[in-house]
């Protein structure tokens, strides 16, 4: 397999010289390039297609994976992931080891997964509005990355964030909820094994809507235990199309990356639209 590794040295925790690890451990034909600003990624992806690479690896965190992956949707190029970020949500869902040499050296197969889009903007794993979008925005502005910063930002806002009223429609079913947050998930987790949609699959052709009506410490525990669907104050639905209407435009996140979006959001599944490399040992994605 001919692979192109796009390395973001700024991602997450310090893990040594990842580019050198790739050169030492990769058995296939490969090339390593530095990750440029996201607006300059398109020429690299196009070169990968033109020069007949089989896979393009996002070497970084969830933001790097998001930017690389969305450019591979609908192409013959497969997405590979070397997780070096602080959360690594999609990598964890797909079963990639967090130890960099193991992620490089492991045996992989190609699977085709669903992606999603909100108001036509693609994402891979999760999107959301409400408290989690507020946290994503505050985390991006915090300066220092890492789990400790994420926890500090989240705890700081947990008890003062005011829920909003939302009108939601899922494949024709209408709901009205005053919610702390609303997540629409294609994959199961935000990162760090915080599983917002523990039953989600990347290959079922469905989105998992999660409405968290109020915050509680027991809900946080269930988030990390993979049992949020059993918690009180949680509404979950599955569907191919979700419409969310909120009081005003404002913050949202796509795969953990903050973005400002309109008051009305239309989220749709895009079935079997992205080729990904998955560890051979992983059965269900």
Protein backbone atom coordinates (compact mmCIF):
# COMPACT_ATOMS: atom_id res chain seq x y z
CA UNK A 1 0.00 0.00 0.00
CA UNK A 2 1.31 3.43 -0.96
CA UNK A 3 0.63 5.88 1.87
CA UNK A 4 0.96 9.62 2.38
CA UNK A 5 1.29 10.75 6.01
CA UNK A 6 0.18 14.32 6.81
CA UNK A 7 1.79 15.10 10.17
CA UNK A 8 0.47 17.84 12.44
CA UNK A 9 3.26 18.36 14.98
CA UNK A 10 1.07 20.83 16.94
CA UNK A 11 -1.56 18.25 17.90
CA UNK A 12 -2.28 17.19 21.46
CA UNK A 13 0.24 15.68 23.85
CA UNK A 14 3.94 15.55 23.06
CA UNK A 15 4.73 12.08 21.72
CA UNK A 16 8.24 12.52 20.37
CA UNK A 17 9.19 12.82 16.72
CA UNK A 18 6.21 11.14 15.07
CA UNK A 19 7.60 11.63 11.55
CA UNK A 20 10.74 9.74 12.56
CA UNK A 21 8.61 6.97 14.11
CA UNK A 22 6.80 6.60 10.79
CA UNK A 23 10.10 6.35 8.94
CA UNK A 24 11.32 3.68 11.37
CA UNK A 25 8.18 1.54 11.55
CA UNK A 26 6.25 1.87 8.28
CA UNK A 27 6.75 -1.21 6.09
CA UNK A 28 4.98 0.10 2.97
CA UNK A 29 5.89 2.64 0.32
CA UNK A 30 5.26 6.01 1.92
CA UNK A 31 5.91 9.73 2.06
CA UNK A 32 5.72 12.11 5.04
CA UNK A 33 4.65 15.76 4.68
CA UNK A 34 4.03 18.50 7.23
CA UNK A 35 0.39 19.44 7.80
CA UNK A 36 -0.17 22.94 6.40
CA UNK A 37 -2.93 25.36 7.44
CA UNK A 38 -6.26 23.78 6.53
CA UNK A 39 -6.84 26.14 3.61
CA UNK A 40 -3.72 24.65 1.97
CA UNK A 41 -4.69 20.98 2.33
CA UNK A 42 -6.52 20.66 -0.98
CA UNK A 43 -3.37 20.59 -3.17
CA UNK A 44 -1.88 17.82 -1.00
CA UNK A 45 -5.02 15.68 -1.30
CA UNK A 46 -5.13 16.30 -5.03
CA UNK A 47 -1.48 15.25 -5.35
CA UNK A 48 -2.27 12.08 -3.43
CA UNK A 49 -5.01 11.26 -5.94
CA UNK A 50 -2.91 12.24 -8.97
CA UNK A 51 0.12 10.21 -7.85
CA UNK A 52 -1.99 7.14 -7.10
CA UNK A 53 -1.56 6.90 -3.35
CA UNK A 54 -3.83 4.30 -1.77
CA UNK A 55 -4.20 5.95 1.65
CA UNK A 56 -3.73 9.33 3.24
CA UNK A 57 -3.01 9.29 6.96
CA UNK A 58 -4.11 12.12 9.24
CA UNK A 59 -1.39 12.22 11.90
CA UNK A 60 -2.82 14.40 14.63
CA UNK A 61 -5.94 14.95 16.69
CA UNK A 62 -9.63 15.20 15.90
CA UNK A 63 -9.24 18.54 14.11
CA UNK A 64 -6.59 17.14 11.77
CA UNK A 65 -8.66 14.02 11.13
CA UNK A 66 -11.73 16.16 10.40
CA UNK A 67 -9.93 18.36 7.88
CA UNK A 68 -8.25 15.47 6.05
CA UNK A 69 -11.25 13.12 6.14
CA UNK A 70 -13.80 15.54 4.74
CA UNK A 71 -11.58 16.06 1.71
CA UNK A 72 -11.50 12.30 1.05
CA UNK A 73 -15.28 11.83 1.02
CA UNK A 74 -16.38 10.32 -2.29
CA UNK A 75 -12.82 9.59 -3.46
CA UNK A 76 -10.94 6.32 -3.91
CA UNK A 77 -8.37 7.38 -1.28
CA UNK A 78 -8.62 5.67 2.11
CA UNK A 79 -8.29 7.58 5.37
CA UNK A 80 -5.70 6.30 7.83
CA UNK A 81 -5.26 7.71 11.34
CA UNK A 82 -2.22 7.96 13.59
CA UNK A 83 -3.77 9.42 16.77
CA UNK A 84 -1.57 12.04 18.42
CA UNK A 85 -4.24 14.41 19.72
CA UNK A 86 -5.76 14.93 23.14
CA UNK A 87 -9.14 13.27 22.44
CA UNK A 88 -8.83 11.08 19.32
CA UNK A 89 -12.55 10.38 19.10
CA UNK A 90 -12.82 8.79 15.64
CA UNK A 91 -9.57 6.85 16.11
CA UNK A 92 -10.89 5.37 19.34
CA UNK A 93 -14.22 4.45 17.75
CA UNK A 94 -12.38 2.67 14.92
CA UNK A 95 -10.19 0.80 17.41
CA UNK A 96 -6.80 2.35 16.63
CA UNK A 97 -4.21 1.89 19.40
CA UNK A 98 -3.18 5.10 21.12
CA UNK A 99 0.48 4.00 21.14
CA UNK A 100 1.91 5.58 17.99
CA UNK A 101 4.26 2.73 16.86
CA UNK A 102 1.40 0.22 17.26
CA UNK A 103 -0.90 2.42 15.16
CA UNK A 104 1.78 2.59 12.45
CA UNK A 105 2.78 -1.08 12.44
CA UNK A 106 -0.60 -2.76 12.80
CA UNK A 107 -2.33 -4.75 10.09
CA UNK A 108 -5.28 -2.93 8.53
CA UNK A 109 -8.17 -3.52 6.16
CA UNK A 110 -10.27 -1.03 4.19
CA UNK A 111 -13.89 -0.44 5.21
CA UNK A 112 -16.41 2.01 3.74
CA UNK A 113 -18.24 4.12 6.31
CA UNK A 114 -21.04 6.67 6.44
CA UNK A 115 -20.37 10.38 6.83
CA UNK A 116 -22.80 13.20 7.57
CA UNK A 117 -23.44 16.83 6.72
CA UNK A 118 -25.09 19.75 8.50
CA UNK A 119 -26.48 22.40 6.16
CA UNK A 120 -24.27 20.79 3.51
CA UNK A 121 -21.06 21.02 5.60
CA UNK A 122 -19.47 17.58 6.07
CA UNK A 123 -18.39 15.93 9.30
CA UNK A 124 -17.43 12.39 10.22
CA UNK A 125 -18.06 11.61 13.88
CA UNK A 126 -20.23 14.03 15.84
CA UNK A 127 -21.73 17.49 15.70
CA UNK A 128 -23.57 19.36 18.38
CA UNK A 129 -25.10 22.54 19.76
CA UNK A 130 -25.50 23.75 23.31
CA UNK A 131 -23.08 23.08 26.13
CA UNK A 132 -20.68 20.85 24.18
CA UNK A 133 -20.40 23.51 21.46
CA UNK A 134 -19.70 26.11 24.16
CA UNK A 135 -16.95 23.86 25.59
CA UNK A 136 -15.43 23.28 22.12
CA UNK A 137 -15.29 27.04 21.54
CA UNK A 138 -13.81 27.76 24.98
CA UNK A 139 -11.28 24.92 24.63
CA UNK A 140 -10.12 26.24 21.24
CA UNK A 141 -9.51 29.64 22.84
CA UNK A 142 -7.80 28.30 25.98
CA UNK A 143 -4.30 28.32 24.52
CA UNK A 144 -3.10 25.13 26.23
CA UNK A 145 -4.37 21.85 24.74
CA UNK A 146 -4.80 18.52 26.52
CA UNK A 147 -7.24 16.62 28.70
CA UNK A 148 -6.60 18.75 31.81
CA UNK A 149 -7.58 21.93 29.97
CA UNK A 150 -10.69 20.27 28.54
CA UNK A 151 -11.80 19.15 32.01
CA UNK A 152 -11.08 22.57 33.51
CA UNK A 153 -13.10 24.34 30.81
CA UNK A 154 -15.96 21.85 31.03
CA UNK A 155 -16.27 21.90 34.82
CA UNK A 156 -16.04 25.68 34.83
CA UNK A 157 -19.09 25.98 32.60
CA UNK A 158 -21.09 22.94 33.75
CA UNK A 159 -23.09 24.60 36.52
CA UNK A 160 -23.59 28.01 34.91
CA UNK A 161 -24.53 27.15 31.33
CA UNK A 162 -28.24 27.86 30.72
CA UNK A 163 -30.20 25.25 28.70
CA UNK A 164 -32.10 26.46 25.62
CA UNK A 165 -35.41 25.50 24.03
CA UNK A 166 -35.13 23.45 20.83
CA UNK A 167 -37.60 22.20 18.26
CA UNK A 168 -36.36 18.94 16.72
CA UNK A 169 -37.61 16.71 13.92
CA UNK A 170 -36.21 13.22 13.31
CA UNK A 171 -37.49 11.49 10.15
CA UNK A 172 -40.87 13.18 10.66
CA UNK A 173 -41.13 12.74 14.46
CA UNK A 174 -41.35 16.12 16.20
CA UNK A 175 -39.90 16.83 19.64
CA UNK A 176 -39.64 19.94 21.80
CA UNK A 177 -37.03 19.97 24.55
CA UNK A 178 -35.28 22.42 26.83
CA UNK A 179 -31.82 20.92 26.54
CA UNK A 180 -28.36 21.34 27.95
CA UNK A 181 -27.01 20.02 24.66
CA UNK A 182 -28.03 18.23 21.50
CA UNK A 183 -25.60 15.93 19.73
CA UNK A 184 -26.05 14.29 16.35
CA UNK A 185 -23.64 11.38 16.12
CA UNK A 186 -22.40 9.19 13.32
CA UNK A 187 -19.63 7.73 15.53
CA UNK A 188 -19.97 6.93 19.21
CA UNK A 189 -17.74 9.37 21.04
CA UNK A 190 -16.28 12.83 21.44
CA UNK A 191 -12.86 11.47 22.46
CA UNK A 192 -11.13 10.22 25.60
CA UNK A 193 -13.81 7.48 25.67
CA UNK A 194 -16.60 9.99 26.37
CA UNK A 195 -19.27 8.02 24.51
CA UNK A 196 -22.12 10.41 23.76
CA UNK A 197 -23.87 7.86 21.50
CA UNK A 198 -22.70 4.45 22.76
CA UNK A 199 -24.84 2.46 20.30
CA UNK A 200 -23.77 4.38 17.17
CA UNK A 201 -22.36 2.58 14.14
CA UNK A 202 -20.48 4.07 11.21
CA UNK A 203 -22.08 1.61 8.81
CA UNK A 204 -25.79 1.51 9.71
CA UNK A 205 -26.95 4.40 7.49
CA UNK A 206 -28.37 6.21 10.54
CA UNK A 207 -27.64 9.22 12.70
CA UNK A 208 -27.95 8.96 16.49
CA UNK A 209 -29.69 11.97 18.03
CA UNK A 210 -28.86 12.55 21.70
CA UNK A 211 -30.75 15.16 23.74
CA UNK A 212 -29.34 15.88 27.19
CA UNK A 213 -32.02 17.76 29.07
CA UNK A 214 -30.05 18.53 32.22
CA UNK A 215 -26.59 18.06 33.63
CA UNK A 216 -25.82 15.64 36.44
CA UNK A 217 -22.73 13.98 37.87
CA UNK A 218 -24.31 10.56 37.32
CA UNK A 219 -24.75 11.48 33.65
CA UNK A 220 -21.04 12.32 33.41
CA UNK A 221 -20.17 8.93 34.92
CA UNK A 222 -22.44 7.16 32.42
CA UNK A 223 -20.89 9.17 29.57
CA UNK A 224 -17.51 7.55 30.28
CA UNK A 225 -18.99 4.16 31.20
CA UNK A 226 -20.68 3.82 27.80
CA UNK A 227 -24.17 3.69 29.33
CA UNK A 228 -25.50 7.20 28.69
CA UNK A 229 -28.51 5.71 26.89
CA UNK A 230 -29.67 4.35 30.27
CA UNK A 231 -29.41 7.69 32.12
CA UNK A 232 -32.42 9.76 33.18
CA UNK A 233 -32.96 13.06 31.38
CA UNK A 234 -31.61 11.64 28.11
CA UNK A 235 -33.62 11.26 24.89
CA UNK A 236 -32.17 9.21 22.04
CA UNK A 237 -33.51 8.63 18.55
CA UNK A 238 -32.12 7.28 15.27
CA UNK A 239 -32.88 8.60 11.81
CA UNK A 240 -31.53 9.57 8.42
CA UNK A 241 -32.43 13.26 8.73
CA UNK A 242 -32.49 15.51 11.79
CA UNK A 243 -33.68 19.13 11.83
CA UNK A 244 -32.87 21.32 14.83
CA UNK A 245 -34.38 24.78 15.34
CA UNK A 246 -32.93 26.93 18.10
CA UNK A 247 -33.72 30.49 19.22
CA UNK A 248 -30.86 32.15 17.32
CA UNK A 249 -27.71 31.46 15.32
CA UNK A 250 -24.71 30.60 17.42
CA UNK A 251 -21.93 28.18 18.29
CA UNK A 252 -21.84 24.58 17.13
CA UNK A 253 -19.10 22.02 16.70
CA UNK A 254 -18.20 19.57 13.95
CA UNK A 255 -15.98 16.72 15.16
CA UNK A 256 -15.07 18.91 18.13
CA UNK A 257 -14.06 21.89 15.99
CA UNK A 258 -16.01 25.10 16.82
CA UNK A 259 -18.06 26.73 14.10
CA UNK A 260 -20.86 29.34 13.98
CA UNK A 261 -24.05 28.02 12.33
CA UNK A 262 -27.57 29.35 11.68
CA UNK A 263 -30.59 28.92 13.93
CA UNK A 264 -32.02 26.13 11.75
CA UNK A 265 -29.79 23.10 11.21
CA UNK A 266 -30.47 20.21 8.85
CA UNK A 267 -28.30 17.15 9.45
CA UNK A 268 -28.30 14.26 6.98
CA UNK A 269 -26.49 10.95 6.72
CA UNK A 270 -24.32 10.32 3.64
CA UNK A 271 -24.20 6.51 3.44
CA UNK A 272 -21.04 4.60 2.53
CA UNK A 273 -19.12 7.67 1.40
CA UNK A 274 -15.63 7.38 2.95
CA UNK A 275 -13.03 4.63 2.73
CA UNK A 276 -11.10 4.14 5.98
CA UNK A 277 -8.34 1.88 7.23
CA UNK A 278 -9.42 -0.17 10.27
CA UNK A 279 -7.27 -2.45 12.44
CA UNK A 280 -7.75 -6.07 11.39
CA UNK A 281 -8.59 -7.05 14.97
CA UNK A 282 -11.64 -4.74 15.08
CA UNK A 283 -14.91 -6.36 14.03
CA UNK A 284 -17.71 -3.84 14.59
CA UNK A 285 -17.46 -0.19 13.63
